[in-house]
C-alpha atoms as a PDB file:
ATOM      1  CA  UNK A   1      -0.062   0.145  -0.244  1.00  0.00           C
ATOM      2  CA  UNK A   2       2.869   2.604   1.034  1.00  0.00           C
ATOM      3  CA  UNK A   3       4.741   1.758  -1.919  1.00  0.00           C
ATOM      4  CA  UNK A   4       1.778   2.135  -4.637  1.00  0.00           C
ATOM      5  CA  UNK A   5       1.188   5.394  -2.846  1.00  0.00           C
ATOM      6  CA  UNK A   6       4.729   6.099  -3.220  1.00  0.00           C
ATOM      7  CA  UNK A   7       4.758   5.273  -6.949  1.00  0.00           C
ATOM      8  CA  UNK A   8       1.868   7.656  -7.807  1.00  0.00           C
ATOM      9  CA  UNK A   9       4.187  10.395  -6.415  1.00  0.00           C
ATOM     10  CA  UNK A  10       6.453   9.976  -8.645  1.00  0.00           C
ATOM     11  CA  UNK A  11       7.413  10.660 -11.850  1.00  0.00           C
ATOM     12  CA  UNK A  12       6.966   6.989 -13.899  1.00  0.00           C
ATOM     13  CA  UNK A  13      10.156   7.006 -15.439  1.00  0.00           C
ATOM     14  CA  UNK A  14      10.930   3.984 -17.750  1.00  0.00           C
ATOM     15  CA  UNK A  15      14.225   4.721 -18.239  1.00  0.00           C
ATOM     16  CA  UNK A  16      16.569   6.856 -16.435  1.00  0.00           C
ATOM     17  CA  UNK A  17      17.045  10.565 -17.960  1.00  0.00           C
ATOM     18  CA  UNK A  18      20.290  12.626 -18.175  1.00  0.00           C
ATOM     19  CA  UNK A  19      20.521  15.522 -16.470  1.00  0.00           C
ATOM     20  CA  UNK A  20      23.153  18.108 -14.706  1.00  0.00           C
ATOM     21  CA  UNK A  21      23.656  18.562 -11.011  1.00  0.00           C
ATOM     22  CA  UNK A  22      24.971  22.290 -11.145  1.00  0.00           C
ATOM     23  CA  UNK A  23      28.346  21.512 -13.200  1.00  0.00           C
ATOM     24  CA  UNK A  24      27.945  17.743 -12.964  1.00  0.00           C
ATOM     25  CA  UNK A  25      26.592  15.528 -15.491  1.00  0.00           C
ATOM     26  CA  UNK A  26      24.126  13.116 -13.306  1.00  0.00           C
ATOM     27  CA  UNK A  27      22.059  10.536 -14.408  1.00  0.00           C
ATOM     28  CA  UNK A  28      17.936  10.917 -12.858  1.00  0.00           C
ATOM     29  CA  UNK A  29      16.947   7.534 -11.558  1.00  0.00           C
ATOM     30  CA  UNK A  30      13.720   8.890  -9.267  1.00  0.00           C
ATOM     31  CA  UNK A  31      11.951  12.315  -9.401  1.00  0.00           C
ATOM     32  CA  UNK A  32       9.091  13.275  -6.648  1.00  0.00           C
ATOM     33  CA  UNK A  33       7.903  16.456  -5.706  1.00  0.00           C
ATOM     34  CA  UNK A  34      10.243  16.523  -3.094  1.00  0.00           C
ATOM     35  CA  UNK A  35      13.508  15.461  -4.531  1.00  0.00           C
ATOM     36  CA  UNK A  36      15.366  13.142  -6.431  1.00  0.00           C
ATOM     37  CA  UNK A  37      18.018  10.385  -6.721  1.00  0.00           C
ATOM     38  CA  UNK A  38      20.563  10.519  -8.792  1.00  0.00           C
ATOM     39  CA  UNK A  39      23.616   8.532 -10.265  1.00  0.00           C
ATOM     40  CA  UNK A  40      26.901  10.129 -11.031  1.00  0.00           C
ATOM     41  CA  UNK A  41      30.633   9.681 -11.656  1.00  0.00           C
ATOM     42  CA  UNK A  42      32.078  12.866  -9.598  1.00  0.00           C
ATOM     43  CA  UNK A  43      31.999  12.741  -6.338  1.00  0.00           C
ATOM     44  CA  UNK A  44      29.503  15.912  -4.942  1.00  0.00           C
ATOM     45  CA  UNK A  45      29.826  16.676  -1.575  1.00  0.00           C
ATOM     46  CA  UNK A  46      26.660  16.407   0.901  1.00  0.00           C
ATOM     47  CA  UNK A  47      25.176  19.483   1.011  1.00  0.00           C
ATOM     48  CA  UNK A  48      26.216  20.706  -2.630  1.00  0.00           C
ATOM     49  CA  UNK A  49      23.439  23.158  -3.603  1.00  0.00           C
ATOM     50  CA  UNK A  50      22.734  23.452  -7.467  1.00  0.00           C
ATOM     51  CA  UNK A  51      20.635  23.486  -9.853  1.00  0.00           C
ATOM     52  CA  UNK A  52      19.212  20.230 -11.367  1.00  0.00           C
ATOM     53  CA  UNK A  53      18.359  20.627 -14.652  1.00  0.00           C
ATOM     54  CA  UNK A  54      16.704  17.600 -16.976  1.00  0.00           C
ATOM     55  CA  UNK A  55      13.966  17.080 -19.697  1.00  0.00           C
ATOM     56  CA  UNK A  56      11.210  14.808 -19.637  1.00  0.00           C
ATOM     57  CA  UNK A  57       8.598  14.002 -22.402  1.00  0.00           C
ATOM     58  CA  UNK A  58       9.476  17.854 -24.387  1.00  0.00           C
ATOM     59  CA  UNK A  59       9.284  19.923 -21.093  1.00  0.00           C
ATOM     60  CA  UNK A  60      12.530  21.271 -19.145  1.00  0.00           C
ATOM     61  CA  UNK A  61      12.371  21.435 -15.526  1.00  0.00           C
ATOM     62  CA  UNK A  62      15.150  23.818 -13.699  1.00  0.00           C
ATOM     63  CA  UNK A  63      14.885  23.890 -10.068  1.00  0.00           C
ATOM     64  CA  UNK A  64      17.284  24.616  -7.057  1.00  0.00           C
ATOM     65  CA  UNK A  65      18.257  21.218  -5.245  1.00  0.00           C
ATOM     66  CA  UNK A  66      20.698  20.146  -2.170  1.00  0.00           C
ATOM     67  CA  UNK A  67      22.653  16.605  -1.756  1.00  0.00           C
ATOM     68  CA  UNK A  68      21.089  15.512   1.696  1.00  0.00           C
ATOM     69  CA  UNK A  69      23.072  11.988   0.957  1.00  0.00           C
ATOM     70  CA  UNK A  70      25.830  10.607  -0.927  1.00  0.00           C
ATOM     71  CA  UNK A  71      26.789   7.012  -1.018  1.00  0.00           C
ATOM     72  CA  UNK A  72      29.473   6.476  -3.318  1.00  0.00           C
ATOM     73  CA  UNK A  73      28.041   7.479  -7.087  1.00  0.00           C
ATOM     74  CA  UNK A  74      24.407   7.659  -5.864  1.00  0.00           C
ATOM     75  CA  UNK A  75      22.844  10.592  -3.849  1.00  0.00           C
ATOM     76  CA  UNK A  76      19.741  11.619  -2.741  1.00  0.00           C
ATOM     77  CA  UNK A  77      18.998  15.745  -4.062  1.00  0.00           C
ATOM     78  CA  UNK A  78      16.645  17.873  -1.664  1.00  0.00           C
ATOM     79  CA  UNK A  79      14.127  20.214  -3.572  1.00  0.00           C
ATOM     80  CA  UNK A  80      15.030  23.750  -2.024  1.00  0.00           C
ATOM     81  CA  UNK A  81      12.381  25.461  -4.334  1.00  0.00           C
ATOM     82  CA  UNK A  82       8.563  24.112  -5.174  1.00  0.00           C
ATOM     83  CA  UNK A  83       7.833  23.995  -9.273  1.00  0.00           C
ATOM     84  CA  UNK A  84       4.213  23.671 -10.144  1.00  0.00           C
ATOM     85  CA  UNK A  85       5.330  22.390 -13.384  1.00  0.00           C
ATOM     86  CA  UNK A  86       7.124  19.472 -11.808  1.00  0.00           C
ATOM     87  CA  UNK A  87       3.866  18.821  -9.653  1.00  0.00           C
ATOM     88  CA  UNK A  88       1.833  18.831 -12.890  1.00  0.00           C
ATOM     89  CA  UNK A  89       4.183  15.992 -14.825  1.00  0.00           C
ATOM     90  CA  UNK A  90       3.899  14.210 -11.377  1.00  0.00           C
ATOM     91  CA  UNK A  91      -0.316  14.284 -11.251  1.00  0.00           C
ATOM     92  CA  UNK A  92      -0.062  13.774 -15.134  1.00  0.00           C
ATOM     93  CA  UNK A  93       2.839  10.392 -14.901  1.00  0.00           C
ATOM     94  CA  UNK A  94       0.019   9.235 -12.157  1.00  0.00           C
ATOM     95  CA  UNK A  95      -2.992   9.356 -13.890  1.00  0.00           C
ATOM     96  CA  UNK A  96      -1.498   7.694 -17.109  1.00  0.00           C
ATOM     97  CA  UNK A  97      -0.140   4.702 -14.941  1.00  0.00           C
ATOM     98  CA  UNK A  98      -3.314   4.261 -13.463  1.00  0.00           C
ATOM     99  CA  UNK A  99      -5.488   4.305 -16.761  1.00  0.00           C
ATOM    100  CA  UNK A 100      -2.441   2.012 -17.966  1.00  0.00           C
ATOM    101  CA  UNK A 101      -2.971  -0.574 -14.926  1.00  0.00           C
ATOM    102  CA  UNK A 102      -7.156  -0.638 -15.635  1.00  0.00           C
ATOM    103  CA  UNK A 103      -6.876  -1.245 -18.994  1.00  0.00           C
ATOM    104  CA  UNK A 104      -4.189  -4.125 -18.227  1.00  0.00           C
ATOM    105  CA  UNK A 105      -6.828  -5.388 -15.872  1.00  0.00           C
ATOM    106  CA  UNK A 106      -9.735  -5.127 -18.343  1.00  0.00           C
ATOM    107  CA  UNK A 107      -7.386  -6.775 -20.886  1.00  0.00           C
ATOM    108  CA  UNK A 108      -7.442  -3.608 -23.410  1.00  0.00           C
ATOM    109  CA  UNK A 109      -3.535  -3.710 -24.461  1.00  0.00           C
ATOM    110  CA  UNK A 110      -4.289  -0.705 -26.667  1.00  0.00           C
ATOM    111  CA  UNK A 111      -4.911   2.097 -24.176  1.00  0.00           C
ATOM    112  CA  UNK A 112      -2.422   0.018 -21.245  1.00  0.00           C
ATOM    113  CA  UNK A 113       0.081   2.657 -22.465  1.00  0.00           C
ATOM    114  CA  UNK A 114       2.675   4.404 -20.057  1.00  0.00           C
ATOM    115  CA  UNK A 115       4.543   7.272 -22.530  1.00  0.00           C
ATOM    116  CA  UNK A 116       5.465   5.530 -25.823  1.00  0.00           C
ATOM    117  CA  UNK A 117       5.339   1.544 -24.022  1.00  0.00           C
ATOM    118  CA  UNK A 118       2.882  -0.531 -23.106  1.00  0.00           C
ATOM    119  CA  UNK A 119       2.537  -0.903 -18.623  1.00  0.00           C
ATOM    120  CA  UNK A 120       4.354  -4.570 -18.655  1.00  0.00           C
ATOM    121  CA  UNK A 121       7.865  -3.520 -21.061  1.00  0.00           C
ATOM    122  CA  UNK A 122       7.653   0.127 -18.857  1.00  0.00           C
ATOM    123  CA  UNK A 123       8.293  -2.055 -15.758  1.00  0.00           C
ATOM    124  CA  UNK A 124      10.722  -3.990 -17.313  1.00  0.00           C
ATOM    125  CA  UNK A 125      12.314  -0.885 -19.778  1.00  0.00           C
ATOM    126  CA  UNK A 126      13.257   0.549 -15.759  1.00  0.00           C
ATOM    127  CA  UNK A 127      15.120  -2.355 -14.423  1.00  0.00           C
ATOM    128  CA  UNK A 128      17.212  -3.031 -18.011  1.00  0.00           C
ATOM    129  CA  UNK A 129      17.828   0.726 -18.681  1.00  0.00           C
ATOM    130  CA  UNK A 130      18.608   2.282 -15.864  1.00  0.00           C
ATOM    131  CA  UNK A 131      22.705   0.736 -16.044  1.00  0.00           C
ATOM    132  CA  UNK A 132      24.952  -0.647 -13.502  1.00  0.00           C
ATOM    133  CA  UNK A 133      27.148   0.435 -10.631  1.00  0.00           C
ATOM    134  CA  UNK A 134      30.538  -1.114 -10.981  1.00  0.00           C
ATOM    135  CA  UNK A 135      32.258  -1.332  -7.441  1.00  0.00           C
ATOM    136  CA  UNK A 136      36.087  -2.392  -7.112  1.00  0.00           C
ATOM    137  CA  UNK A 137      37.716  -2.610  -3.837  1.00  0.00           C
ATOM    138  CA  UNK A 138      41.354  -1.369  -3.822  1.00  0.00           C
ATOM    139  CA  UNK A 139      44.087  -0.727  -1.149  1.00  0.00           C
ATOM    140  CA  UNK A 140      42.462   2.773  -0.177  1.00  0.00           C
ATOM    141  CA  UNK A 141      38.393   1.084   0.099  1.00  0.00           C
ATOM    142  CA  UNK A 142      35.675   0.688  -2.664  1.00  0.00           C
ATOM    143  CA  UNK A 143      35.483   3.131  -5.632  1.00  0.00           C
ATOM    144  CA  UNK A 144      32.400   2.891  -7.948  1.00  0.00           C
ATOM    145  CA  UNK A 145      31.414   4.140 -11.381  1.00  0.00           C
ATOM    146  CA  UNK A 146      28.658   3.737 -13.453  1.00  0.00           C
ATOM    147  CA  UNK A 147      29.029   0.853 -16.448  1.00  0.00           C
ATOM    148  CA  UNK A 148      27.314   0.244 -19.554  1.00  0.00           C
ATOM    149  CA  UNK A 149      27.803  -3.394 -19.665  1.00  0.00           C
ATOM    150  CA  UNK A 150      27.032  -5.904 -16.299  1.00  0.00           C
ATOM    151  CA  UNK A 151      30.150  -7.375 -16.389  1.00  0.00           C
ATOM    152  CA  UNK A 152      31.657  -8.727 -13.333  1.00  0.00           C
ATOM    153  CA  UNK A 153      35.208  -7.582 -12.467  1.00  0.00           C
ATOM    154  CA  UNK A 154      37.602 -10.049 -10.753  1.00  0.00           C
ATOM    155  CA  UNK A 155      38.253  -7.262  -7.945  1.00  0.00           C
ATOM    156  CA  UNK A 156      34.393  -6.657  -6.885  1.00  0.00           C
ATOM    157  CA  UNK A 157      31.081  -6.931  -8.411  1.00  0.00           C
ATOM    158  CA  UNK A 158      28.509  -5.318 -10.777  1.00  0.00           C
ATOM    159  CA  UNK A 159      25.239  -4.525  -9.712  1.00  0.00           C
ATOM    160  CA  UNK A 160      21.369  -2.573 -11.297  1.00  0.00           C
ATOM    161  CA  UNK A 161      21.470   0.765 -10.341  1.00  0.00           C
ATOM    162  CA  UNK A 162      18.134   0.399  -8.767  1.00  0.00           C
ATOM    163  CA  UNK A 163      19.739  -1.735  -6.547  1.00  0.00           C
ATOM    164  CA  UNK A 164      19.223  -0.625  -2.614  1.00  0.00           C
ATOM    165  CA  UNK A 165      21.846   0.676  -0.248  1.00  0.00           C
ATOM    166  CA  UNK A 166      21.479  -2.048   2.017  1.00  0.00           C
ATOM    167  CA  UNK A 167      22.277  -5.093  -0.427  1.00  0.00           C
ATOM    168  CA  UNK A 168      25.213  -2.698  -1.714  1.00  0.00           C
ATOM    169  CA  UNK A 169      26.349  -2.417   1.611  1.00  0.00           C
ATOM    170  CA  UNK A 170      25.868  -6.058   2.407  1.00  0.00           C
ATOM    171  CA  UNK A 171      27.689  -7.108  -0.975  1.00  0.00           C
ATOM    172  CA  UNK A 172      30.492  -4.854   0.126  1.00  0.00           C
ATOM    173  CA  UNK A 173      30.872  -6.103   3.721  1.00  0.00           C
ATOM    174  CA  UNK A 174      30.813  -9.650   2.721  1.00  0.00           C
ATOM    175  CA  UNK A 175      33.058  -9.776  -0.481  1.00  0.00           C
ATOM    176  CA  UNK A 176      35.775  -7.667   1.488  1.00  0.00           C
ATOM    177  CA  UNK A 177      35.704  -9.900   4.875  1.00  0.00           C
ATOM    178  CA  UNK A 178      35.488 -13.285   2.841  1.00  0.00           C
ATOM    179  CA  UNK A 179      37.960 -15.651   1.620  1.00  0.00           C
ATOM    180  CA  UNK A 180      38.247 -16.626  -2.721  1.00  0.00           C
ATOM    181  CA  UNK A 181      35.121 -18.466  -2.217  1.00  0.00           C
ATOM    182  CA  UNK A 182      33.023 -16.116  -0.701  1.00  0.00           C
ATOM    183  CA  UNK A 183      33.988 -13.410  -3.528  1.00  0.00           C
ATOM    184  CA  UNK A 184      33.017 -15.460  -5.832  1.00  0.00           C
ATOM    185  CA  UNK A 185      29.797 -16.034  -4.431  1.00  0.00           C
ATOM    186  CA  UNK A 186      29.298 -12.164  -3.876  1.00  0.00           C
ATOM    187  CA  UNK A 187      29.535 -11.599  -7.661  1.00  0.00           C
ATOM    188  CA  UNK A 188      27.488 -14.411  -8.315  1.00  0.00           C
ATOM    189  CA  UNK A 189      24.679 -12.443  -6.017  1.00  0.00           C
ATOM    190  CA  UNK A 190      25.316  -9.762  -7.979  1.00  0.00           C
ATOM    191  CA  UNK A 191      25.313 -11.518 -11.491  1.00  0.00           C
ATOM    192  CA  UNK A 192      21.568 -11.882 -10.280  1.00  0.00           C
ATOM    193  CA  UNK A 193      20.802  -8.588  -9.454  1.00  0.00           C
ATOM    194  CA  UNK A 194      21.392  -7.607 -12.662  1.00  0.00           C
ATOM    195  CA  UNK A 195      19.730  -9.889 -15.237  1.00  0.00           C
ATOM    196  CA  UNK A 196      16.618 -10.097 -12.685  1.00  0.00           C
END
């Protein structure tokens, strides 16, 4: 119930959106009326403020934001301003998903559309198009970067960019403290996360 309500309070992104946080190139994986989740290659310090800029379905959004949490290549952004245009986009997105669900339940494939995809394809597209995060254990600790392919490195693992931070932390701890077999198993678990 809570997850469903949360779904209707954010944009239904069928794939991540390219954008900018200040001068940093980012990939936006979730947007709500109050904030966003972003993936980035460069370190962005917690507390940093900047304009988050992106386009979605022909509309440009620019909103003053602040990094409220940062975990490697992923950060949470809180919007410092309100955007009536963004709120309208979220409302339209929620209506679109609701119409598609009703059409899906009725077996009406012609109206089972989110954006330019069916509801089922759009849901699968989020998983497939979100990209990957590759973690490498170095003498200085964990290094993370975005990856286009789900290949598993020898010195770490690769997961979906949508993987929860709790799961990533567990994989890091298991890999770091484990023997060779534990490291191999960690990579296998990570590999499963990129194929589901």
